[in-house]
Amino acid sequence: MLYGAIEAGGTKFVCAVGNKEYKTLDKISIETTNPEETLEQVIYFFNKYKAEISSIGIGSFGPIDSDINSDKY
C-alpha cells in the first residue's frame, strides 16, 4: 500500500509517493503554469502508481476550488 502527497504552491507542485514506513519512493517537482498543464503532469505522475495508492493528501496555499461561489471555496 502506497500513499501520495501533493504540495500545491503558486510556483510549483511537489508530488511524492511513499510507503507506510514513511519512505519516499518517488518525487517530482512540477512548475505551476495553468491548471490544465499542471494537473496533466500531476495525473501522469500518479498514474504510474494508481493500482497501489490508497490515498492522496493535498497541502495547498490557497483555495483548491476556484469557484468563489462554491461552498468549498
Protein backbone atom coordinates (compact mmCIF):
# COMPACT_ATOMS: atom_id res chain seq x y z
CA MET A 1 0.00 0.00 0.00
CA LEU A 2 1.34 3.41 -1.02
CA TYR A 3 0.35 6.97 -0.22
CA GLY A 4 0.50 10.05 -2.41
CA ALA A 5 1.23 13.63 -1.42
CA ILE A 6 0.84 16.91 -3.23
CA GLU A 7 2.18 20.28 -2.11
CA ALA A 8 0.28 22.70 -4.33
CA GLY A 9 2.01 26.05 -4.47
CA GLY A 10 1.95 29.13 -6.63
CA THR A 11 5.27 28.44 -8.34
CA LYS A 12 5.49 24.64 -8.19
CA PHE A 13 3.65 21.45 -7.29
CA VAL A 14 5.67 18.81 -5.46
CA CYS A 15 4.25 15.31 -5.82
CA ALA A 16 5.50 12.27 -3.94
CA VAL A 17 4.71 8.62 -3.32
CA GLY A 18 5.69 6.89 -0.12
CA ASN A 19 5.03 3.76 1.89
CA LYS A 20 3.74 3.08 5.42
CA GLU A 21 7.29 3.25 6.78
CA TYR A 22 7.43 6.93 5.69
CA LYS A 23 9.98 6.20 2.98
CA THR A 24 9.68 8.38 -0.12
CA LEU A 25 9.76 6.12 -3.17
CA ASP A 26 9.37 8.73 -5.90
CA LYS A 27 9.13 12.53 -6.03
CA ILE A 28 8.75 15.18 -8.71
CA SER A 29 8.62 18.96 -8.80
CA ILE A 30 6.34 20.48 -11.43
CA GLU A 31 6.40 24.14 -12.41
CA THR A 32 2.97 25.69 -11.87
CA THR A 33 1.72 27.04 -15.20
CA ASN A 34 -2.01 26.87 -15.89
CA PRO A 35 -4.42 24.37 -14.28
CA GLU A 36 -4.73 22.16 -17.36
CA GLU A 37 -0.98 21.76 -17.94
CA THR A 38 -0.08 21.43 -14.28
CA LEU A 39 -2.76 18.87 -13.43
CA GLU A 40 -1.96 16.86 -16.55
CA GLN A 41 1.57 16.36 -15.23
CA VAL A 42 0.29 15.56 -11.72
CA ILE A 43 -2.06 12.90 -13.11
CA TYR A 44 0.69 11.45 -15.29
CA PHE A 45 2.97 11.11 -12.25
CA PHE A 46 0.38 9.38 -10.05
CA ASN A 47 -0.97 7.13 -12.83
CA LYS A 48 2.24 5.09 -12.57
CA TYR A 49 1.12 4.06 -9.08
CA LYS A 50 -2.69 4.05 -9.39
CA ALA A 51 -3.04 0.35 -8.61
CA GLU A 52 -1.06 0.74 -5.37
CA ILE A 53 -2.00 4.17 -3.96
CA SER A 54 -4.67 4.04 -1.27
CA SER A 55 -4.97 7.82 -0.77
CA ILE A 56 -3.50 11.19 -1.71
CA GLY A 57 -3.15 14.15 0.65
CA ILE A 58 -3.02 17.74 -0.59
CA GLY A 59 -1.43 20.75 1.07
CA SER A 60 -2.42 23.99 -0.64
CA PHE A 61 -1.54 27.61 -0.03
CA GLY A 62 -4.83 28.81 -1.44
CA PRO A 63 -8.28 27.58 -2.38
CA ILE A 64 -8.47 24.28 -4.25
CA ASP A 65 -11.94 25.06 -5.61
CA SER A 66 -11.50 28.26 -7.64
CA ASP A 67 -15.25 28.99 -7.88
CA ILE A 68 -15.73 31.82 -5.36
CA ASN A 69 -19.45 30.95 -5.16
CA SER A 70 -18.77 27.37 -4.11
CA ASP A 71 -19.32 26.21 -0.52
CA LYS A 72 -15.86 24.59 -0.78
CA TYR A 73 -14.01 27.78 -1.81
